Amino acid sequence: MEQAKRREAVLELRAEGMTQQQIGEVLGVATSTVCDDLSHIRNRTNNHGENSVRNRKETENLEAWRAKHEAELLEENRREAFYRVSEESFHCFLAWNVEEFCASARELLKDEDFRYQFVKRTRLKGVEIVKIIKGAKTSGSRHP
């Protein structure tokens, strides 16, 4: 495929939301070629006639796609972070409802160095472990 037609195809596929790697696979060229084509298109400074209008429209389409894609990624990341924090909190909460875990915690917390690191890492200053265990057992008994 000649260079001009390939660059036009690259722009069209990019406007449809394809990645550089996907475009390369579709056109049968290396990703670096697609990258070079996109760079050439961005750097083109044609201020006359139909090409200028088309270039502006292609740039606007690309920018709109990029903004939409970034918003989708931000939302996906926000949701994933919430899932992970919630899952971890839930699993840790359940652990305090297991007697073996609590017994191990009581034993470990007798060690001053361990207790210092535990309070530092969990930020549980002034919270009694007994209250955490009691709360977990109370809540755990309400939820089968």
Foldseek 3Di string as FASTA:
>chain_A
DDDVVLLVQLLVVVLVPDDLCVSCVVVVHDSVSSVVSVVCLVPDDDPDDDVNVVSVVSVVSNVVSVVVVVVVVVVVVVVVVVVVVVVVVVVVLLLLLDPVSVVVVVVQCVDPVSVVVVCVVVVQPPDDSVVSSVVSNVVVVVPD
